PDB file of N, CA and C in Angstrom:
ATOM      1  N   MET A   1      77.374  50.377  52.951  1.00  0.00           N
ATOM      2  CA  MET A   1      76.119  50.399  53.675  1.00  0.00           C
ATOM      3  C   MET A   1      75.400  49.069  53.455  1.00  0.00           C
ATOM      4  N   SER A   2      74.667  48.660  54.470  1.00  0.00           N
ATOM      5  CA  SER A   2      74.006  47.364  54.375  1.00  0.00           C
ATOM      6  C   SER A   2      72.550  47.466  54.794  1.00  0.00           C
ATOM      7  N   GLU A   3      71.798  46.467  54.406  1.00  0.00           N
ATOM      8  CA  GLU A   3      70.389  46.347  54.791  1.00  0.00           C
ATOM      9  C   GLU A   3      70.339  45.734  56.186  1.00  0.00           C
ATOM     10  N   LEU A   4      69.487  46.273  57.032  1.00  0.00           N
ATOM     11  CA  LEU A   4      69.366  45.784  58.385  1.00  0.00           C
ATOM     12  C   LEU A   4      67.903  45.522  58.671  1.00  0.00           C
ATOM     13  N   SER A   5      67.611  44.395  59.276  1.00  0.00           N
ATOM     14  CA  SER A   5      66.224  44.067  59.609  1.00  0.00           C
ATOM     15  C   SER A   5      66.019  44.226  61.113  1.00  0.00           C
ATOM     16  N   PRO A   6      64.768  44.459  61.528  1.00  0.00           N
ATOM     17  CA  PRO A   6      64.504  44.546  62.964  1.00  0.00           C
ATOM     18  C   PRO A   6      64.912  43.282  63.713  1.00  0.00           C
ATOM     19  N   SER A   7      64.665  42.115  63.121  1.00  0.00           N
ATOM     20  CA  SER A   7      65.005  40.871  63.823  1.00  0.00           C
ATOM     21  C   SER A   7      66.524  40.736  63.982  1.00  0.00           C
ATOM     22  N   ARG A   8      67.269  41.127  62.972  1.00  0.00           N
ATOM     23  CA  ARG A   8      68.741  41.058  63.063  1.00  0.00           C
ATOM     24  C   ARG A   8      69.257  42.035  64.125  1.00  0.00           C
ATOM     25  N   LEU A   9      68.672  43.231  64.152  1.00  0.00           N
ATOM     26  CA  LEU A   9      69.093  44.205  65.147  1.00  0.00           C
ATOM     27  C   LEU A   9      68.743  43.728  66.555  1.00  0.00           C
ATOM     28  N   ARG A  10      67.597  43.081  66.710  1.00  0.00           N
ATOM     29  CA  ARG A  10      67.226  42.523  68.022  1.00  0.00           C
ATOM     30  C   ARG A  10      68.268  41.501  68.484  1.00  0.00           C
ATOM     31  N   GLU A  11      68.747  40.674  67.545  1.00  0.00           N
ATOM     32  CA  GLU A  11      69.796  39.706  67.885  1.00  0.00           C
ATOM     33  C   GLU A  11      71.047  40.430  68.378  1.00  0.00           C
ATOM     34  N   HIS A  12      71.423  41.499  67.670  1.00  0.00           N
ATOM     35  CA  HIS A  12      72.601  42.271  68.067  1.00  0.00           C
ATOM     36  C   HIS A  12      72.416  42.924  69.431  1.00  0.00           C
ATOM     37  N   LEU A  13      71.199  43.364  69.733  1.00  0.00           N
ATOM     38  CA  LEU A  13      70.944  44.006  71.020  1.00  0.00           C
ATOM     39  C   LEU A  13      71.079  43.033  72.184  1.00  0.00           C
ATOM     40  N   ARG A  14      70.920  41.745  71.908  1.00  0.00           N
ATOM     41  CA  ARG A  14      71.089  40.734  72.957  1.00  0.00           C
ATOM     42  C   ARG A  14      72.567  40.459  73.231  1.00  0.00           C
ATOM     43  N   GLU A  15      73.439  40.895  72.329  1.00  0.00           N
ATOM     44  CA  GLU A  15      74.880  40.695  72.488  1.00  0.00           C
ATOM     45  C   GLU A  15      75.474  41.845  73.300  1.00  0.00           C
ATOM     46  N   GLU A  16      76.551  41.573  73.962  1.00  0.00           N
ATOM     47  CA  GLU A  16      77.263  42.606  74.717  1.00  0.00           C
ATOM     48  C   GLU A  16      78.083  43.453  73.752  1.00  0.00           C
ATOM     49  N   GLY A  17      78.434  44.623  74.190  1.00  0.00           N
ATOM     50  CA  GLY A  17      79.354  45.455  73.422  1.00  0.00           C
ATOM     51  C   GLY A  17      78.678  46.309  72.373  1.00  0.00           C
ATOM     52  N   ASP A  18      79.482  46.676  71.379  1.00  0.00           N
ATOM     53  CA  ASP A  18      79.072  47.652  70.378  1.00  0.00           C
ATOM     54  C   ASP A  18      78.552  47.047  69.082  1.00  0.00           C
ATOM     55  N   VAL A  19      78.242  45.759  69.068  1.00  0.00           N
ATOM     56  CA  VAL A  19      77.809  45.098  67.834  1.00  0.00           C
ATOM     57  C   VAL A  19      76.542  45.750  67.282  1.00  0.00           C
ATOM     58  N   ALA A  20      75.567  46.004  68.131  1.00  0.00           N
ATOM     59  CA  ALA A  20      74.305  46.596  67.681  1.00  0.00           C
ATOM     60  C   ALA A  20      74.531  47.994  67.120  1.00  0.00           C
ATOM     61  N   ALA A  21      75.303  48.802  67.822  1.00  0.00           N
ATOM     62  CA  ALA A  21      75.566  50.165  67.366  1.00  0.00           C
ATOM     63  C   ALA A  21      76.306  50.163  66.038  1.00  0.00           C
ATOM     64  N   ALA A  22      77.299  49.301  65.906  1.00  0.00           N
ATOM     65  CA  ALA A  22      78.064  49.238  64.665  1.00  0.00           C
ATOM     66  C   ALA A  22      77.196  48.787  63.494  1.00  0.00           C
ATOM     67  N   ALA A  23      76.377  47.772  63.705  1.00  0.00           N
ATOM     68  CA  ALA A  23      75.494  47.291  62.646  1.00  0.00           C
ATOM     69  C   ALA A  23      74.479  48.367  62.269  1.00  0.00           C
ATOM     70  N   PHE A  24      73.966  49.048  63.259  1.00  0.00           N
ATOM     71  CA  PHE A  24      72.978  50.095  63.003  1.00  0.00           C
ATOM     72  C   PHE A  24      73.592  51.242  62.213  1.00  0.00           C
ATOM     73  N   GLU A  25      74.760  51.675  62.620  1.00  0.00           N
ATOM     74  CA  GLU A  25      75.408  52.793  61.930  1.00  0.00           C
ATOM     75  C   GLU A  25      75.865  52.428  60.519  1.00  0.00           C
ATOM     76  N   ALA A  26      76.118  51.147  60.256  1.00  0.00           N
ATOM     77  CA  ALA A  26      76.533  50.710  58.928  1.00  0.00           C
ATOM     78  C   ALA A  26      75.360  50.608  57.953  1.00  0.00           C
ATOM     79  N   ALA A  27      74.151  50.591  58.462  1.00  0.00           N
ATOM     80  CA  ALA A  27      72.963  50.470  57.609  1.00  0.00           C
ATOM     81  C   ALA A  27      72.677  51.794  56.910  1.00  0.00           C
ATOM     82  N   GLU A  28      71.932  51.719  55.826  1.00  0.00           N
ATOM     83  CA  GLU A  28      71.537  52.919  55.099  1.00  0.00           C
ATOM     84  C   GLU A  28      70.623  53.778  55.974  1.00  0.00           C
ATOM     85  N   ALA A  29      70.721  55.088  55.830  1.00  0.00           N
ATOM     86  CA  ALA A  29      69.975  56.018  56.677  1.00  0.00           C
ATOM     87  C   ALA A  29      68.473  55.762  56.654  1.00  0.00           C
ATOM     88  N   VAL A  30      67.905  55.565  55.497  1.00  0.00           N
ATOM     89  CA  VAL A  30      66.461  55.332  55.394  1.00  0.00           C
ATOM     90  C   VAL A  30      66.098  54.037  56.111  1.00  0.00           C
ATOM     91  N   ASN A  31      66.925  53.033  55.954  1.00  0.00           N
ATOM     92  CA  ASN A  31      66.694  51.746  56.601  1.00  0.00           C
ATOM     93  C   ASN A  31      66.812  51.867  58.115  1.00  0.00           C
ATOM     94  N   ARG A  32      67.751  52.669  58.592  1.00  0.00           N
ATOM     95  CA  ARG A  32      67.937  52.824  60.041  1.00  0.00           C
ATOM     96  C   ARG A  32      66.666  53.329  60.714  1.00  0.00           C
ATOM     97  N   THR A  33      66.094  54.373  60.170  1.00  0.00           N
ATOM     98  CA  THR A  33      64.891  54.951  60.779  1.00  0.00           C
ATOM     99  C   THR A  33      63.735  53.969  60.735  1.00  0.00           C
ATOM    100  N   ALA A  34      63.550  53.305  59.611  1.00  0.00           N
ATOM    101  CA  ALA A  34      62.459  52.332  59.480  1.00  0.00           C
ATOM    102  C   ALA A  34      62.627  51.193  60.478  1.00  0.00           C
ATOM    103  N   VAL A  35      63.831  50.692  60.625  1.00  0.00           N
ATOM    104  CA  VAL A  35      64.098  49.606  61.571  1.00  0.00           C
ATOM    105  C   VAL A  35      63.873  50.092  63.000  1.00  0.00           C
ATOM    106  N   PHE A  36      64.366  51.268  63.327  1.00  0.00           N
ATOM    107  CA  PHE A  36      64.187  51.826  64.671  1.00  0.00           C
ATOM    108  C   PHE A  36      62.708  51.880  65.033  1.00  0.00           C
ATOM    109  N   LEU A  37      61.885  52.333  64.127  1.00  0.00           N
ATOM    110  CA  LEU A  37      60.456  52.484  64.406  1.00  0.00           C
ATOM    111  C   LEU A  37      59.738  51.139  64.522  1.00  0.00           C
ATOM    112  N   GLN A  38      60.358  50.067  64.049  1.00  0.00           N
ATOM    113  CA  GLN A  38      59.767  48.735  64.179  1.00  0.00           C
ATOM    114  C   GLN A  38      60.178  48.029  65.467  1.00  0.00           C
ATOM    115  N   LEU A  39      61.120  48.604  66.189  1.00  0.00           N
ATOM    116  CA  LEU A  39      61.560  48.007  67.447  1.00  0.00           C
ATOM    117  C   LEU A  39      60.548  48.286  68.551  1.00  0.00           C
ATOM    118  N   ARG A  40      60.563  47.435  69.558  1.00  0.00           N
ATOM    119  CA  ARG A  40      59.755  47.679  70.750  1.00  0.00           C
ATOM    120  C   ARG A  40      60.350  48.884  71.493  1.00  0.00           C
ATOM    121  N   PRO A  41      59.537  49.601  72.270  1.00  0.00           N
ATOM    122  CA  PRO A  41      60.054  50.776  72.983  1.00  0.00           C
ATOM    123  C   PRO A  41      61.312  50.492  73.809  1.00  0.00           C
ATOM    124  N   SER A  42      61.352  49.385  74.507  1.00  0.00           N
ATOM    125  CA  SER A  42      62.538  49.072  75.314  1.00  0.00           C
ATOM    126  C   SER A  42      63.770  48.840  74.435  1.00  0.00           C
ATOM    127  N   GLU A  43      63.567  48.279  73.260  1.00  0.00           N
ATOM    128  CA  GLU A  43      64.683  48.053  72.329  1.00  0.00           C
ATOM    129  C   GLU A  43      65.182  49.388  71.764  1.00  0.00           C
ATOM    130  N   ARG A  44      64.261  50.306  71.510  1.00  0.00           N
ATOM    131  CA  ARG A  44      64.656  51.634  71.025  1.00  0.00           C
ATOM    132  C   ARG A  44      65.560  52.314  72.048  1.00  0.00           C
ATOM    133  N   VAL A  45      65.158  52.240  73.299  1.00  0.00           N
ATOM    134  CA  VAL A  45      65.943  52.856  74.371  1.00  0.00           C
ATOM    135  C   VAL A  45      67.315  52.200  74.459  1.00  0.00           C
ATOM    136  N   GLU A  46      67.355  50.885  74.427  1.00  0.00           N
ATOM    137  CA  GLU A  46      68.635  50.173  74.516  1.00  0.00           C
ATOM    138  C   GLU A  46      69.549  50.551  73.357  1.00  0.00           C
ATOM    139  N   LEU A  47      69.008  50.660  72.162  1.00  0.00           N
ATOM    140  CA  LEU A  47      69.822  51.044  71.007  1.00  0.00           C
ATOM    141  C   LEU A  47      70.384  52.446  71.196  1.00  0.00           C
ATOM    142  N   VAL A  48      69.557  53.389  71.593  1.00  0.00           N
ATOM    143  CA  VAL A  48      70.030  54.757  71.785  1.00  0.00           C
ATOM    144  C   VAL A  48      71.088  54.807  72.881  1.00  0.00           C
ATOM    145  N   ARG A  49      70.936  54.004  73.921  1.00  0.00           N
ATOM    146  CA  ARG A  49      71.964  53.949  74.978  1.00  0.00           C
ATOM    147  C   ARG A  49      73.318  53.534  74.418  1.00  0.00           C
ATOM    148  N   ARG A  50      73.308  52.665  73.431  1.00  0.00           N
ATOM    149  CA  ARG A  50      74.556  52.132  72.886  1.00  0.00           C
ATOM    150  C   ARG A  50      75.166  53.010  71.796  1.00  0.00           C
ATOM    151  N   LEU A  51      74.380  53.882  71.201  1.00  0.00           N
ATOM    152  CA  LEU A  51      74.890  54.728  70.124  1.00  0.00           C
ATOM    153  C   LEU A  51      75.676  55.909  70.682  1.00  0.00           C
ATOM    154  N   PRO A  52      76.708  56.340  69.965  1.00  0.00           N
ATOM    155  CA  PRO A  52      77.386  57.568  70.371  1.00  0.00           C
ATOM    156  C   PRO A  52      76.420  58.748  70.199  1.00  0.00           C
ATOM    157  N   ASP A  53      76.651  59.814  70.926  1.00  0.00           N
ATOM    158  CA  ASP A  53      75.725  60.953  70.915  1.00  0.00           C
ATOM    159  C   ASP A  53      75.360  61.454  69.515  1.00  0.00           C
ATOM    160  N   PRO A  54      76.321  61.675  68.602  1.00  0.00           N
ATOM    161  CA  PRO A  54      75.923  62.194  67.287  1.00  0.00           C
ATOM    162  C   PRO A  54      74.947  61.262  66.546  1.00  0.00           C
ATOM    163  N   ALA A  55      75.187  59.972  66.616  1.00  0.00           N
ATOM    164  CA  ALA A  55      74.296  59.015  65.945  1.00  0.00           C
ATOM    165  C   ALA A  55      72.939  58.955  66.636  1.00  0.00           C
ATOM    166  N   ALA A  56      72.937  59.031  67.962  1.00  0.00           N
ATOM    167  CA  ALA A  56      71.677  59.007  68.708  1.00  0.00           C
ATOM    168  C   ALA A  56      70.853  60.246  68.387  1.00  0.00           C
ATOM    169  N   ARG A  57      71.485  61.408  68.322  1.00  0.00           N
ATOM    170  CA  ARG A  57      70.768  62.641  67.981  1.00  0.00           C
ATOM    171  C   ARG A  57      70.182  62.568  66.579  1.00  0.00           C
ATOM    172  N   ARG A  58      70.971  62.107  65.641  1.00  0.00           N
ATOM    173  CA  ARG A  58      70.510  61.978  64.253  1.00  0.00           C
ATOM    174  C   ARG A  58      69.277  61.080  64.195  1.00  0.00           C
ATOM    175  N   LEU A  59      69.332  59.982  64.897  1.00  0.00           N
ATOM    176  CA  LEU A  59      68.219  59.036  64.904  1.00  0.00           C
ATOM    177  C   LEU A  59      66.968  59.655  65.527  1.00  0.00           C
ATOM    178  N   ILE A  60      67.135  60.326  66.643  1.00  0.00           N
ATOM    179  CA  ILE A  60      65.992  60.958  67.305  1.00  0.00           C
ATOM    180  C   ILE A  60      65.379  62.023  66.405  1.00  0.00           C
ATOM    181  N   GLU A  61      66.211  62.752  65.675  1.00  0.00           N
ATOM    182  CA  GLU A  61      65.700  63.767  64.747  1.00  0.00           C
ATOM    183  C   GLU A  61      64.961  63.137  63.565  1.00  0.00           C
ATOM    184  N   GLU A  62      65.438  61.992  63.112  1.00  0.00           N
ATOM    185  CA  GLU A  62      64.822  61.328  61.953  1.00  0.00           C
ATOM    186  C   GLU A  62      63.533  60.605  62.319  1.00  0.00           C
ATOM    187  N   ALA A  63      63.411  60.156  63.555  1.00  0.00           N
ATOM    188  CA  ALA A  63      62.208  59.450  64.001  1.00  0.00           C
ATOM    189  C   ALA A  63      61.111  60.475  64.284  1.00  0.00           C
ATOM    190  N   ASP A  64      59.916  59.999  64.525  1.00  0.00           N
ATOM    191  CA  ASP A  64      58.836  60.921  64.877  1.00  0.00           C
ATOM    192  C   ASP A  64      59.049  61.452  66.289  1.00  0.00           C
ATOM    193  N   SER A  65      58.472  62.609  66.564  1.00  0.00           N
ATOM    194  CA  SER A  65      58.718  63.267  67.854  1.00  0.00           C
ATOM    195  C   SER A  65      58.172  62.469  69.032  1.00  0.00           C
ATOM    196  N   SER A  66      57.107  61.723  68.824  1.00  0.00           N
ATOM    197  CA  SER A  66      56.559  60.896  69.898  1.00  0.00           C
ATOM    198  C   SER A  66      57.555  59.804  70.300  1.00  0.00           C
ATOM    199  N   SER A  67      58.146  59.140  69.319  1.00  0.00           N
ATOM    200  CA  SER A  67      59.146  58.106  69.607  1.00  0.00           C
ATOM    201  C   SER A  67      60.369  58.705  70.278  1.00  0.00           C
ATOM    202  N   GLY A  68      60.803  59.857  69.795  1.00  0.00           N
ATOM    203  CA  GLY A  68      61.948  60.528  70.402  1.00  0.00           C
ATOM    204  C   GLY A  68      61.686  60.891  71.849  1.00  0.00           C
ATOM    205  N   ALA A  69      60.481  61.384  72.124  1.00  0.00           N
ATOM    206  CA  ALA A  69      60.123  61.747  73.500  1.00  0.00           C
ATOM    207  C   ALA A  69      60.139  60.529  74.411  1.00  0.00           C
ATOM    208  N   ARG A  70      59.574  59.418  73.952  1.00  0.00           N
ATOM    209  CA  ARG A  70      59.532  58.205  74.783  1.00  0.00           C
ATOM    210  C   ARG A  70      60.936  57.708  75.089  1.00  0.00           C
ATOM    211  N   VAL A  71      61.825  57.790  74.122  1.00  0.00           N
ATOM    212  CA  VAL A  71      63.203  57.354  74.354  1.00  0.00           C
ATOM    213  C   VAL A  71      63.875  58.264  75.368  1.00  0.00           C
ATOM    214  N   LEU A  72      63.758  59.563  75.183  1.00  0.00           N
ATOM    215  CA  LEU A  72      64.407  60.495  76.111  1.00  0.00           C
ATOM    216  C   LEU A  72      63.869  60.339  77.526  1.00  0.00           C
ATOM    217  N   GLU A  73      62.584  60.086  77.673  1.00  0.00           N
ATOM    218  CA  GLU A  73      62.005  59.886  79.004  1.00  0.00           C
ATOM    219  C   GLU A  73      62.597  58.674  79.714  1.00  0.00           C
ATOM    220  N   ALA A  74      63.013  57.672  78.949  1.00  0.00           N
ATOM    221  CA  ALA A  74      63.529  56.436  79.540  1.00  0.00           C
ATOM    222  C   ALA A  74      65.024  56.487  79.844  1.00  0.00           C
ATOM    223  N   LEU A  75      65.720  57.449  79.288  1.00  0.00           N
ATOM    224  CA  LEU A  75      67.163  57.555  79.523  1.00  0.00           C
ATOM    225  C   LEU A  75      67.442  58.254  80.849  1.00  0.00           C
ATOM    226  N   ASP A  76      68.679  58.097  81.338  1.00  0.00           N
ATOM    227  CA  ASP A  76      69.036  58.848  82.539  1.00  0.00           C
ATOM    228  C   ASP A  76      69.044  60.333  82.184  1.00  0.00           C
ATOM    229  N   VAL A  77      68.823  61.156  83.173  1.00  0.00           N
ATOM    230  CA  VAL A  77      68.612  62.597  82.968  1.00  0.00           C
ATOM    231  C   VAL A  77      69.773  63.256  82.232  1.00  0.00           C
ATOM    232  N   ASP A  78      70.999  62.958  82.621  1.00  0.00           N
ATOM    233  CA  ASP A  78      72.148  63.613  81.990  1.00  0.00           C
ATOM    234  C   ASP A  78      72.242  63.299  80.508  1.00  0.00           C
ATOM    235  N   ARG A  79      72.073  62.031  80.155  1.00  0.00           N
ATOM    236  CA  ARG A  79      72.154  61.658  78.741  1.00  0.00           C
ATOM    237  C   ARG A  79      70.995  62.265  77.965  1.00  0.00           C
ATOM    238  N   ALA A  80      69.801  62.218  78.522  1.00  0.00           N
ATOM    239  CA  ALA A  80      68.641  62.778  77.835  1.00  0.00           C
ATOM    240  C   ALA A  80      68.811  64.279  77.618  1.00  0.00           C
ATOM    241  N   ARG A  81      69.291  64.982  78.630  1.00  0.00           N
ATOM    242  CA  ARG A  81      69.517  66.430  78.493  1.00  0.00           C
ATOM    243  C   ARG A  81      70.563  66.721  77.425  1.00  0.00           C
ATOM    244  N   SER A  82      71.629  65.942  77.422  1.00  0.00           N
ATOM    245  CA  SER A  82      72.690  66.128  76.439  1.00  0.00           C
ATOM    246  C   SER A  82      72.157  65.926  75.018  1.00  0.00           C
ATOM    247  N   LEU A  83      71.390  64.867  74.828  1.00  0.00           N
ATOM    248  CA  LEU A  83      70.840  64.606  73.498  1.00  0.00           C
ATOM    249  C   LEU A  83      69.856  65.694  73.093  1.00  0.00           C
ATOM    250  N   LEU A  84      68.982  66.066  73.999  1.00  0.00           N
ATOM    251  CA  LEU A  84      67.980  67.089  73.711  1.00  0.00           C
ATOM    252  C   LEU A  84      68.649  68.420  73.360  1.00  0.00           C
ATOM    253  N   ALA A  85      69.674  68.781  74.101  1.00  0.00           N
ATOM    254  CA  ALA A  85      70.370  70.052  73.870  1.00  0.00           C
ATOM    255  C   ALA A  85      71.046  70.095  72.499  1.00  0.00           C
ATOM    256  N   GLY A  86      71.423  68.938  71.980  1.00  0.00           N
ATOM    257  CA  GLY A  86      72.121  68.899  70.698  1.00  0.00           C
ATOM    258  C   GLY A  86      71.219  68.770  69.487  1.00  0.00           C
ATOM    259  N   LEU A  87      69.919  68.665  69.707  1.00  0.00           N
ATOM    260  CA  LEU A  87      68.981  68.539  68.586  1.00  0.00           C
ATOM    261  C   LEU A  87      68.756  69.885  67.915  1.00  0.00           C
ATOM    262  N   GLN A  88      68.318  69.837  66.660  1.00  0.00           N
ATOM    263  CA  GLN A  88      67.896  71.055  65.979  1.00  0.00           C
ATOM    264  C   GLN A  88      66.766  71.670  66.799  1.00  0.00           C
ATOM    265  N   PRO A  89      66.717  72.987  66.926  1.00  0.00           N
ATOM    266  CA  PRO A  89      65.713  73.619  67.789  1.00  0.00           C
ATOM    267  C   PRO A  89      64.263  73.214  67.493  1.00  0.00           C
ATOM    268  N   ASP A  90      63.900  73.099  66.227  1.00  0.00           N
ATOM    269  CA  ASP A  90      62.513  72.721  65.924  1.00  0.00           C
ATOM    270  C   ASP A  90      62.220  71.278  66.307  1.00  0.00           C
ATOM    271  N   ASP A  91      63.206  70.400  66.139  1.00  0.00           N
ATOM    272  CA  ASP A  91      63.032  69.007  66.563  1.00  0.00           C
ATOM    273  C   ASP A  91      62.930  68.910  68.086  1.00  0.00           C
ATOM    274  N   ALA A  92      63.783  69.648  68.774  1.00  0.00           N
ATOM    275  CA  ALA A  92      63.752  69.647  70.241  1.00  0.00           C
ATOM    276  C   ALA A  92      62.408  70.168  70.749  1.00  0.00           C
ATOM    277  N   ALA A  93      61.899  71.225  70.140  1.00  0.00           N
ATOM    278  CA  ALA A  93      60.608  71.785  70.561  1.00  0.00           C
ATOM    279  C   ALA A  93      59.479  70.787  70.346  1.00  0.00           C
ATOM    280  N   ASP A  94      59.498  70.081  69.204  1.00  0.00           N
ATOM    281  CA  ASP A  94      58.465  69.065  68.938  1.00  0.00           C
ATOM    282  C   ASP A  94      58.508  67.967  69.986  1.00  0.00           C
ATOM    283  N   ILE A  95      59.698  67.547  70.352  1.00  0.00           N
ATOM    284  CA  ILE A  95      59.846  66.481  71.345  1.00  0.00           C
ATOM    285  C   ILE A  95      59.411  66.963  72.723  1.00  0.00           C
ATOM    286  N   VAL A  96      59.809  68.155  73.116  1.00  0.00           N
ATOM    287  CA  VAL A  96      59.439  68.688  74.429  1.00  0.00           C
ATOM    288  C   VAL A  96      57.922  68.760  74.560  1.00  0.00           C
ATOM    289  N   ARG A  97      57.231  69.129  73.487  1.00  0.00           N
ATOM    290  CA  ARG A  97      55.759  69.181  73.531  1.00  0.00           C
ATOM    291  C   ARG A  97      55.153  67.805  73.778  1.00  0.00           C
ATOM    292  N   ARG A  98      55.858  66.747  73.429  1.00  0.00           N
ATOM    293  CA  ARG A  98      55.356  65.378  73.603  1.00  0.00           C
ATOM    294  C   ARG A  98      55.679  64.796  74.981  1.00  0.00           C
ATOM    295  N   LEU A  99      56.541  65.433  75.727  1.00  0.00           N
ATOM    296  CA  LEU A  99      56.917  64.926  77.050  1.00  0.00           C
ATOM    297  C   LEU A  99      55.785  65.153  78.044  1.00  0.00           C
ATOM    298  N   SER A 100      55.672  64.260  78.997  1.00  0.00           N
ATOM    299  CA  SER A 100      54.740  64.498  80.092  1.00  0.00           C
ATOM    300  C   SER A 100      55.225  65.720  80.862  1.00  0.00           C
ATOM    301  N   ASP A 101      54.339  66.361  81.613  1.00  0.00           N
ATOM    302  CA  ASP A 101      54.726  67.534  82.397  1.00  0.00           C
ATOM    303  C   ASP A 101      55.894  67.206  83.328  1.00  0.00           C
ATOM    304  N   GLU A 102      55.796  66.054  83.980  1.00  0.00           N
ATOM    305  CA  GLU A 102      56.835  65.633  84.912  1.00  0.00           C
ATOM    306  C   GLU A 102      58.179  65.464  84.214  1.00  0.00           C
ATOM    307  N   ASN A 103      58.184  64.765  83.079  1.00  0.00           N
ATOM    308  CA  ASN A 103      59.440  64.523  82.363  1.00  0.00           C
ATOM    309  C   ASN A 103      59.955  65.788  81.691  1.00  0.00           C
ATOM    310  N   GLY A 104      59.055  66.632  81.236  1.00  0.00           N
ATOM    311  CA  GLY A 104      59.479  67.917  80.675  1.00  0.00           C
ATOM    312  C   GLY A 104      60.227  68.727  81.710  1.00  0.00           C
ATOM    313  N   ALA A 105      59.686  68.808  82.911  1.00  0.00           N
ATOM    314  CA  ALA A 105      60.339  69.541  83.994  1.00  0.00           C
ATOM    315  C   ALA A 105      61.666  68.893  84.366  1.00  0.00           C
ATOM    316  N   ARG A 106      61.679  67.569  84.376  1.00  0.00           N
ATOM    317  CA  ARG A 106      62.904  66.821  84.737  1.00  0.00           C
ATOM    318  C   ARG A 106      64.009  67.086  83.722  1.00  0.00           C
ATOM    319  N   LEU A 107      63.670  67.076  82.431  1.00  0.00           N
ATOM    320  CA  LEU A 107      64.699  67.221  81.406  1.00  0.00           C
ATOM    321  C   LEU A 107      65.086  68.675  81.160  1.00  0.00           C
ATOM    322  N   LEU A 108      64.155  69.566  81.341  1.00  0.00           N
ATOM    323  CA  LEU A 108      64.470  70.976  81.116  1.00  0.00           C
ATOM    324  C   LEU A 108      65.050  71.626  82.352  1.00  0.00           C
ATOM    325  N   GLY A 109      64.842  70.973  83.508  1.00  0.00           N
ATOM    326  CA  GLY A 109      65.416  71.329  84.788  1.00  0.00           C
ATOM    327  C   GLY A 109      65.532  72.798  85.016  1.00  0.00           C
TER     328      GLY A 109
END
């Protein structure tokens, strides 16, 4: 496991491929969440897009529900629904409460 900084992760996000996801997953769990929360909203979305579903779900569960909701709102509907469906029920409920009415209806379909 390695230490990861927000600036280093931003550099990886500018690169093509799986470099950002691999670096993020190699970091310590506590460090991952802290770094994620220091990213700009668009960077959070880009990172979640690049992570495999299990890692993306874990991250959304570890982050605050407001951040998780904003990320899910920015993803395409199918991916957001898939991630939401795989969350622990209490985490999913917290996130759904944070969604706008429009996005809640869109994701819960």
